[in-house]
Amino acid sequence: MLFRFLVFLYPVIRTLGPATAALLLIAGISLIGYAVLRQPGLWSWLAAGACLLSAGLLALLCHSYHWWLFKLRPHGSLFIPIK
């Protein structure tokens, strides 16, 4: 099921994935700056951590997308994604 979901999302991950990861990284860094300068509350730090974690995971997915497809493929059949 995860394999089919990744194959379905291939055009979205290939085109929008790196840009979204970069925007999440910028948002995380901005939230850290906001938490340091303006509001030292816990929610700002949690939001910054969530943005940075999601940016890292999305960047990892975009970088090693074909490896994930290879590892999650159905066994017994050969799947070669067509570009």
PDB file of N, CA and C in Angstrom:
ATOM      1  N   MET A   1       0.816  -1.181   0.000  1.00  0.00           N
ATOM      2  CA  MET A   1       0.000   0.000   0.000  1.00  0.00           C
ATOM      3  C   MET A   1       0.871   1.261   0.000  1.00  0.00           C
ATOM      4  N   LEU A   2       1.912   1.274   0.806  1.00  0.00           N
ATOM      5  CA  LEU A   2       2.820   2.422   0.824  1.00  0.00           C
ATOM      6  C   LEU A   2       3.541   2.551  -0.508  1.00  0.00           C
ATOM      7  N   PHE A   3       3.858   1.422  -1.124  1.00  0.00           N
ATOM      8  CA  PHE A   3       4.512   1.439  -2.429  1.00  0.00           C
ATOM      9  C   PHE A   3       3.622   2.111  -3.475  1.00  0.00           C
ATOM     10  N   ARG A   4       2.363   1.733  -3.521  1.00  0.00           N
ATOM     11  CA  ARG A   4       1.444   2.331  -4.487  1.00  0.00           C
ATOM     12  C   ARG A   4       1.232   3.820  -4.214  1.00  0.00           C
ATOM     13  N   PHE A   5       1.214   4.182  -2.952  1.00  0.00           N
ATOM     14  CA  PHE A   5       1.071   5.588  -2.584  1.00  0.00           C
ATOM     15  C   PHE A   5       2.278   6.393  -3.056  1.00  0.00           C
ATOM     16  N   LEU A   6       3.496   5.842  -2.902  1.00  0.00           N
ATOM     17  CA  LEU A   6       4.694   6.537  -3.363  1.00  0.00           C
ATOM     18  C   LEU A   6       4.726   6.639  -4.880  1.00  0.00           C
ATOM     19  N   VAL A   7       4.284   5.608  -5.578  1.00  0.00           N
ATOM     20  CA  VAL A   7       4.244   5.662  -7.040  1.00  0.00           C
ATOM     21  C   VAL A   7       3.215   6.694  -7.498  1.00  0.00           C
ATOM     22  N   PHE A   8       2.088   6.762  -6.812  1.00  0.00           N
ATOM     23  CA  PHE A   8       1.054   7.734  -7.152  1.00  0.00           C
ATOM     24  C   PHE A   8       1.541   9.167  -6.944  1.00  0.00           C
ATOM     25  N   LEU A   9       2.329   9.398  -5.889  1.00  0.00           N
ATOM     26  CA  LEU A   9       2.804  10.739  -5.566  1.00  0.00           C
ATOM     27  C   LEU A   9       4.112  11.119  -6.255  1.00  0.00           C
ATOM     28  N   TYR A  10       4.607  10.281  -7.166  1.00  0.00           N
ATOM     29  CA  TYR A  10       5.893  10.546  -7.806  1.00  0.00           C
ATOM     30  C   TYR A  10       5.966  11.925  -8.469  1.00  0.00           C
ATOM     31  N   PRO A  11       4.970  12.345  -9.261  1.00  0.00           N
ATOM     32  CA  PRO A  11       5.086  13.677  -9.883  1.00  0.00           C
ATOM     33  C   PRO A  11       5.096  14.815  -8.853  1.00  0.00           C
ATOM     34  N   VAL A  12       4.345  14.658  -7.786  1.00  0.00           N
ATOM     35  CA  VAL A  12       4.289  15.700  -6.766  1.00  0.00           C
ATOM     36  C   VAL A  12       5.599  15.764  -5.987  1.00  0.00           C
ATOM     37  N   ILE A  13       6.129  14.606  -5.616  1.00  0.00           N
ATOM     38  CA  ILE A  13       7.371  14.567  -4.849  1.00  0.00           C
ATOM     39  C   ILE A  13       8.534  15.070  -5.691  1.00  0.00           C
ATOM     40  N   ARG A  14       8.553  14.724  -6.960  1.00  0.00           N
ATOM     41  CA  ARG A  14       9.661  15.139  -7.822  1.00  0.00           C
ATOM     42  C   ARG A  14       9.657  16.650  -8.079  1.00  0.00           C
ATOM     43  N   THR A  15       8.480  17.242  -8.247  1.00  0.00           N
ATOM     44  CA  THR A  15       8.438  18.664  -8.593  1.00  0.00           C
ATOM     45  C   THR A  15       8.348  19.569  -7.367  1.00  0.00           C
ATOM     46  N   LEU A  16       7.470  19.268  -6.436  1.00  0.00           N
ATOM     47  CA  LEU A  16       7.233  20.163  -5.308  1.00  0.00           C
ATOM     48  C   LEU A  16       7.984  19.785  -4.034  1.00  0.00           C
ATOM     49  N   GLY A  17       8.532  18.601  -3.971  1.00  0.00           N
ATOM     50  CA  GLY A  17       9.188  18.133  -2.751  1.00  0.00           C
ATOM     51  C   GLY A  17      10.374  18.968  -2.298  1.00  0.00           C
ATOM     52  N   PRO A  18      11.368  19.196  -3.159  1.00  0.00           N
ATOM     53  CA  PRO A  18      12.527  19.991  -2.712  1.00  0.00           C
ATOM     54  C   PRO A  18      12.171  21.425  -2.335  1.00  0.00           C
ATOM     55  N   ALA A  19      11.272  22.041  -3.080  1.00  0.00           N
ATOM     56  CA  ALA A  19      10.880  23.421  -2.754  1.00  0.00           C
ATOM     57  C   ALA A  19      10.126  23.477  -1.429  1.00  0.00           C
ATOM     58  N   THR A  20       9.272  22.504  -1.182  1.00  0.00           N
ATOM     59  CA  THR A  20       8.538  22.461   0.078  1.00  0.00           C
ATOM     60  C   THR A  20       9.483  22.216   1.244  1.00  0.00           C
ATOM     61  N   ALA A  21      10.469  21.357   1.050  1.00  0.00           N
ATOM     62  CA  ALA A  21      11.456  21.107   2.103  1.00  0.00           C
ATOM     63  C   ALA A  21      12.252  22.375   2.411  1.00  0.00           C
ATOM     64  N   ALA A  22      12.599  23.128   1.377  1.00  0.00           N
ATOM     65  CA  ALA A  22      13.331  24.383   1.596  1.00  0.00           C
ATOM     66  C   ALA A  22      12.470  25.400   2.332  1.00  0.00           C
ATOM     67  N   LEU A  23      11.206  25.491   1.974  1.00  0.00           N
ATOM     68  CA  LEU A  23      10.312  26.425   2.673  1.00  0.00           C
ATOM     69  C   LEU A  23      10.102  26.017   4.130  1.00  0.00           C
ATOM     70  N   LEU A  24      10.008  24.734   4.390  1.00  0.00           N
ATOM     71  CA  LEU A  24       9.872  24.274   5.772  1.00  0.00           C
ATOM     72  C   LEU A  24      11.140  24.560   6.578  1.00  0.00           C
ATOM     73  N   LEU A  25      12.297  24.426   5.948  1.00  0.00           N
ATOM     74  CA  LEU A  25      13.551  24.753   6.627  1.00  0.00           C
ATOM     75  C   LEU A  25      13.614  26.243   6.970  1.00  0.00           C
ATOM     76  N   ILE A  26      13.229  27.083   6.033  1.00  0.00           N
ATOM     77  CA  ILE A  26      13.209  28.522   6.292  1.00  0.00           C
ATOM     78  C   ILE A  26      12.206  28.870   7.389  1.00  0.00           C
ATOM     79  N   ALA A  27      11.040  28.222   7.357  1.00  0.00           N
ATOM     80  CA  ALA A  27      10.035  28.473   8.391  1.00  0.00           C
ATOM     81  C   ALA A  27      10.530  28.020   9.762  1.00  0.00           C
ATOM     82  N   GLY A  28      11.222  26.889   9.824  1.00  0.00           N
ATOM     83  CA  GLY A  28      11.760  26.411  11.097  1.00  0.00           C
ATOM     84  C   GLY A  28      12.809  27.345  11.664  1.00  0.00           C
ATOM     85  N   ILE A  29      13.697  27.824  10.800  1.00  0.00           N
ATOM     86  CA  ILE A  29      14.723  28.765  11.255  1.00  0.00           C
ATOM     87  C   ILE A  29      14.086  30.082  11.705  1.00  0.00           C
ATOM     88  N   SER A  30      13.067  30.522  10.972  1.00  0.00           N
ATOM     89  CA  SER A  30      12.368  31.754  11.359  1.00  0.00           C
ATOM     90  C   SER A  30      11.652  31.598  12.692  1.00  0.00           C
ATOM     91  N   LEU A  31      11.053  30.453  12.916  1.00  0.00           N
ATOM     92  CA  LEU A  31      10.376  30.218  14.198  1.00  0.00           C
ATOM     93  C   LEU A  31      11.366  30.137  15.351  1.00  0.00           C
ATOM     94  N   ILE A  32      12.549  29.637  15.111  1.00  0.00           N
ATOM     95  CA  ILE A  32      13.572  29.638  16.153  1.00  0.00           C
ATOM     96  C   ILE A  32      13.965  31.082  16.484  1.00  0.00           C
ATOM     97  N   GLY A  33      14.151  31.898  15.454  1.00  0.00           N
ATOM     98  CA  GLY A  33      14.463  33.307  15.692  1.00  0.00           C
ATOM     99  C   GLY A  33      13.345  34.024  16.420  1.00  0.00           C
ATOM    100  N   TYR A  34      12.103  33.714  16.073  1.00  0.00           N
ATOM    101  CA  TYR A  34      10.958  34.319  16.764  1.00  0.00           C
ATOM    102  C   TYR A  34      10.916  33.881  18.217  1.00  0.00           C
ATOM    103  N   ALA A  35      11.186  32.611  18.466  1.00  0.00           N
ATOM    104  CA  ALA A  35      11.151  32.111  19.843  1.00  0.00           C
ATOM    105  C   ALA A  35      12.263  32.723  20.686  1.00  0.00           C
ATOM    106  N   VAL A  36      13.397  32.976  20.091  1.00  0.00           N
ATOM    107  CA  VAL A  36      14.510  33.560  20.837  1.00  0.00           C
ATOM    108  C   VAL A  36      14.265  35.038  21.127  1.00  0.00           C
ATOM    109  N   LEU A  37      13.800  35.768  20.130  1.00  0.00           N
ATOM    110  CA  LEU A  37      13.685  37.217  20.274  1.00  0.00           C
ATOM    111  C   LEU A  37      12.391  37.682  20.921  1.00  0.00           C
ATOM    112  N   ARG A  38      11.273  37.080  20.584  1.00  0.00           N
ATOM    113  CA  ARG A  38       9.991  37.627  21.017  1.00  0.00           C
ATOM    114  C   ARG A  38       9.284  36.813  22.092  1.00  0.00           C
ATOM    115  N   GLN A  39       9.051  35.574  21.791  1.00  0.00           N
ATOM    116  CA  GLN A  39       8.201  34.778  22.672  1.00  0.00           C
ATOM    117  C   GLN A  39       8.909  33.462  23.026  1.00  0.00           C
ATOM    118  N   PRO A  40       9.485  33.391  24.201  1.00  0.00           N
ATOM    119  CA  PRO A  40      10.211  32.165  24.555  1.00  0.00           C
ATOM    120  C   PRO A  40       9.290  31.060  25.078  1.00  0.00           C
ATOM    121  N   GLY A  41       8.117  30.910  24.500  1.00  0.00           N
ATOM    122  CA  GLY A  41       7.173  29.882  24.936  1.00  0.00           C
ATOM    123  C   GLY A  41       7.495  28.532  24.325  1.00  0.00           C
ATOM    124  N   LEU A  42       6.879  27.529  24.866  1.00  0.00           N
ATOM    125  CA  LEU A  42       7.128  26.159  24.416  1.00  0.00           C
ATOM    126  C   LEU A  42       6.551  25.904  23.034  1.00  0.00           C
ATOM    127  N   TRP A  43       5.425  26.527  22.697  1.00  0.00           N
ATOM    128  CA  TRP A  43       4.767  26.243  21.422  1.00  0.00           C
ATOM    129  C   TRP A  43       5.595  26.706  20.237  1.00  0.00           C
ATOM    130  N   SER A  44       6.311  27.800  20.379  1.00  0.00           N
ATOM    131  CA  SER A  44       7.168  28.265  19.287  1.00  0.00           C
ATOM    132  C   SER A  44       8.301  27.282  19.030  1.00  0.00           C
ATOM    133  N   TRP A  45       8.869  26.761  20.104  1.00  0.00           N
ATOM    134  CA  TRP A  45       9.948  25.784  19.951  1.00  0.00           C
ATOM    135  C   TRP A  45       9.431  24.471  19.376  1.00  0.00           C
ATOM    136  N   LEU A  46       8.238  24.056  19.780  1.00  0.00           N
ATOM    137  CA  LEU A  46       7.667  22.828  19.226  1.00  0.00           C
ATOM    138  C   LEU A  46       7.338  22.981  17.737  1.00  0.00           C
ATOM    139  N   ALA A  47       6.806  24.143  17.363  1.00  0.00           N
ATOM    140  CA  ALA A  47       6.510  24.398  15.953  1.00  0.00           C
ATOM    141  C   ALA A  47       7.791  24.440  15.119  1.00  0.00           C
ATOM    142  N   ALA A  48       8.830  25.053  15.663  1.00  0.00           N
ATOM    143  CA  ALA A  48      10.115  25.103  14.962  1.00  0.00           C
ATOM    144  C   ALA A  48      10.697  23.708  14.803  1.00  0.00           C
ATOM    145  N   GLY A  49      10.635  22.921  15.850  1.00  0.00           N
ATOM    146  CA  GLY A  49      11.131  21.546  15.767  1.00  0.00           C
ATOM    147  C   GLY A  49      10.341  20.710  14.774  1.00  0.00           C
ATOM    148  N   ALA A  50       9.025  20.898  14.747  1.00  0.00           N
ATOM    149  CA  ALA A  50       8.192  20.155  13.797  1.00  0.00           C
ATOM    150  C   ALA A  50       8.511  20.552  12.356  1.00  0.00           C
ATOM    151  N   CYS A  51       8.725  21.839  12.127  1.00  0.00           N
ATOM    152  CA  CYS A  51       9.078  22.298  10.780  1.00  0.00           C
ATOM    153  C   CYS A  51      10.430  21.751  10.341  1.00  0.00           C
ATOM    154  N   LEU A  52      11.401  21.789  11.233  1.00  0.00           N
ATOM    155  CA  LEU A  52      12.733  21.282  10.884  1.00  0.00           C
ATOM    156  C   LEU A  52      12.728  19.768  10.675  1.00  0.00           C
ATOM    157  N   LEU A  53      11.980  19.052  11.511  1.00  0.00           N
ATOM    158  CA  LEU A  53      11.897  17.599  11.359  1.00  0.00           C
ATOM    159  C   LEU A  53      11.194  17.220  10.061  1.00  0.00           C
ATOM    160  N   SER A  54      10.096  17.887   9.750  1.00  0.00           N
ATOM    161  CA  SER A  54       9.381  17.576   8.510  1.00  0.00           C
ATOM    162  C   SER A  54      10.208  17.975   7.288  1.00  0.00           C
ATOM    163  N   ALA A  55      10.968  19.053   7.374  1.00  0.00           N
ATOM    164  CA  ALA A  55      11.841  19.432   6.261  1.00  0.00           C
ATOM    165  C   ALA A  55      12.924  18.379   6.038  1.00  0.00           C
ATOM    166  N   GLY A  56      13.495  17.891   7.108  1.00  0.00           N
ATOM    167  CA  GLY A  56      14.518  16.858   6.977  1.00  0.00           C
ATOM    168  C   GLY A  56      13.967  15.558   6.420  1.00  0.00           C
ATOM    169  N   LEU A  57      12.800  15.151   6.885  1.00  0.00           N
ATOM    170  CA  LEU A  57      12.204  13.907   6.385  1.00  0.00           C
ATOM    171  C   LEU A  57      11.789  14.028   4.919  1.00  0.00           C
ATOM    172  N   LEU A  58      11.257  15.176   4.542  1.00  0.00           N
ATOM    173  CA  LEU A  58      10.869  15.378   3.154  1.00  0.00           C
ATOM    174  C   LEU A  58      12.092  15.439   2.244  1.00  0.00           C
ATOM    175  N   ALA A  59      13.151  16.063   2.702  1.00  0.00           N
ATOM    176  CA  ALA A  59      14.391  16.098   1.916  1.00  0.00           C
ATOM    177  C   ALA A  59      14.981  14.696   1.769  1.00  0.00           C
ATOM    178  N   LEU A  60      14.904  13.911   2.828  1.00  0.00           N
ATOM    179  CA  LEU A  60      15.385  12.527   2.756  1.00  0.00           C
ATOM    180  C   LEU A  60      14.550  11.713   1.779  1.00  0.00           C
ATOM    181  N   LEU A  61      13.241  11.912   1.797  1.00  0.00           N
ATOM    182  CA  LEU A  61      12.367  11.200   0.865  1.00  0.00           C
ATOM    183  C   LEU A  61      12.665  11.603  -0.574  1.00  0.00           C
ATOM    184  N   CYS A  62      12.862  12.889  -0.823  1.00  0.00           N
ATOM    185  CA  CYS A  62      13.157  13.341  -2.177  1.00  0.00           C
ATOM    186  C   CYS A  62      14.517  12.835  -2.654  1.00  0.00           C
ATOM    187  N   HIS A  63      15.475  12.806  -1.771  1.00  0.00           N
ATOM    188  CA  HIS A  63      16.818  12.383  -2.152  1.00  0.00           C
ATOM    189  C   HIS A  63      16.893  10.887  -2.442  1.00  0.00           C
ATOM    190  N   SER A  64      16.236  10.087  -1.640  1.00  0.00           N
ATOM    191  CA  SER A  64      16.340   8.632  -1.795  1.00  0.00           C
ATOM    192  C   SER A  64      15.008   8.018  -2.206  1.00  0.00           C
ATOM    193  N   TYR A  65      14.287   8.695  -3.094  1.00  0.00           N
ATOM    194  CA  TYR A  65      12.963   8.221  -3.514  1.00  0.00           C
ATOM    195  C   TYR A  65      13.040   6.880  -4.225  1.00  0.00           C
ATOM    196  N   HIS A  66      13.980   6.738  -5.144  1.00  0.00           N
ATOM    197  CA  HIS A  66      14.084   5.481  -5.896  1.00  0.00           C
ATOM    198  C   HIS A  66      14.529   4.330  -4.996  1.00  0.00           C
ATOM    199  N   TRP A  67      15.330   4.618  -3.999  1.00  0.00           N
ATOM    200  CA  TRP A  67      15.726   3.573  -3.062  1.00  0.00           C
ATOM    201  C   TRP A  67      14.519   3.066  -2.288  1.00  0.00           C
ATOM    202  N   TRP A  68      13.642   3.993  -1.852  1.00  0.00           N
ATOM    203  CA  TRP A  68      12.427   3.580  -1.151  1.00  0.00           C
ATOM    204  C   TRP A  68      11.527   2.750  -2.053  1.00  0.00           C
ATOM    205  N   LEU A  69      11.419   3.144  -3.321  1.00  0.00           N
ATOM    206  CA  LEU A  69      10.623   2.339  -4.244  1.00  0.00           C
ATOM    207  C   LEU A  69      11.208   0.944  -4.401  1.00  0.00           C
ATOM    208  N   PHE A  70      12.537   0.866  -4.456  1.00  0.00           N
ATOM    209  CA  PHE A  70      13.181  -0.435  -4.594  1.00  0.00           C
ATOM    210  C   PHE A  70      12.951  -1.296  -3.354  1.00  0.00           C
ATOM    211  N   LYS A  71      13.054  -0.722  -2.179  1.00  0.00           N
ATOM    212  CA  LYS A  71      12.898  -1.495  -0.947  1.00  0.00           C
ATOM    213  C   LYS A  71      11.449  -1.892  -0.680  1.00  0.00           C
ATOM    214  N   LEU A  72      10.496  -1.064  -1.085  1.00  0.00           N
ATOM    215  CA  LEU A  72       9.093  -1.327  -0.787  1.00  0.00           C
ATOM    216  C   LEU A  72       8.350  -2.020  -1.926  1.00  0.00           C
ATOM    217  N   ARG A  73       9.063  -2.402  -2.981  1.00  0.00           N
ATOM    218  CA  ARG A  73       8.386  -3.006  -4.122  1.00  0.00           C
ATOM    219  C   ARG A  73       7.769  -4.346  -3.738  1.00  0.00           C
ATOM    220  N   PRO A  74       6.730  -4.741  -4.454  1.00  0.00           N
ATOM    221  CA  PRO A  74       6.171  -6.065  -4.206  1.00  0.00           C
ATOM    222  C   PRO A  74       7.183  -7.124  -4.629  1.00  0.00           C
ATOM    223  N   HIS A  75       7.388  -8.105  -3.798  1.00  0.00           N
ATOM    224  CA  HIS A  75       8.349  -9.157  -4.103  1.00  0.00           C
ATOM    225  C   HIS A  75       7.756 -10.103  -5.116  1.00  0.00           C
ATOM    226  N   GLY A  76       8.594 -10.579  -6.020  1.00  0.00           N
ATOM    227  CA  GLY A  76       8.142 -11.501  -7.037  1.00  0.00           C
ATOM    228  C   GLY A  76       7.835 -10.812  -8.356  1.00  0.00           C
ATOM    229  N   SER A  77       7.877  -9.489  -8.386  1.00  0.00           N
ATOM    230  CA  SER A  77       7.641  -8.780  -9.642  1.00  0.00           C
ATOM    231  C   SER A  77       8.637  -7.643  -9.757  1.00  0.00           C
ATOM    232  N   LEU A  78       8.978  -7.333 -10.967  1.00  0.00           N
ATOM    233  CA  LEU A  78       9.940  -6.271 -11.222  1.00  0.00           C
ATOM    234  C   LEU A  78       9.170  -5.008 -11.589  1.00  0.00           C
ATOM    235  N   PHE A  79       9.439  -3.923 -10.889  1.00  0.00           N
ATOM    236  CA  PHE A  79       8.796  -2.656 -11.177  1.00  0.00           C
ATOM    237  C   PHE A  79       9.855  -1.639 -11.513  1.00  0.00           C
ATOM    238  N   ILE A  80       9.751  -1.057 -12.711  1.00  0.00           N
ATOM    239  CA  ILE A  80      10.670  -0.025 -13.133  1.00  0.00           C
ATOM    240  C   ILE A  80       9.829   1.217 -13.415  1.00  0.00           C
ATOM    241  N   PRO A  81       9.935   2.250 -12.570  1.00  0.00           N
ATOM    242  CA  PRO A  81       9.130   3.451 -12.820  1.00  0.00           C
ATOM    243  C   PRO A  81       9.586   4.153 -14.097  1.00  0.00           C
ATOM    244  N   ILE A  82       8.631   4.536 -14.906  1.00  0.00           N
ATOM    245  CA  ILE A  82       8.932   5.210 -16.170  1.00  0.00           C
ATOM    246  C   ILE A  82       8.955   6.705 -15.927  1.00  0.00           C
ATOM    247  N   LYS A  83      10.009   7.344 -16.384  1.00  0.00           N
ATOM    248  CA  LYS A  83      10.142   8.801 -16.194  1.00  0.00           C
ATOM    249  C   LYS A  83       9.451   9.531 -17.317  1.00  0.00           C
TER     250      LYS A  83
END
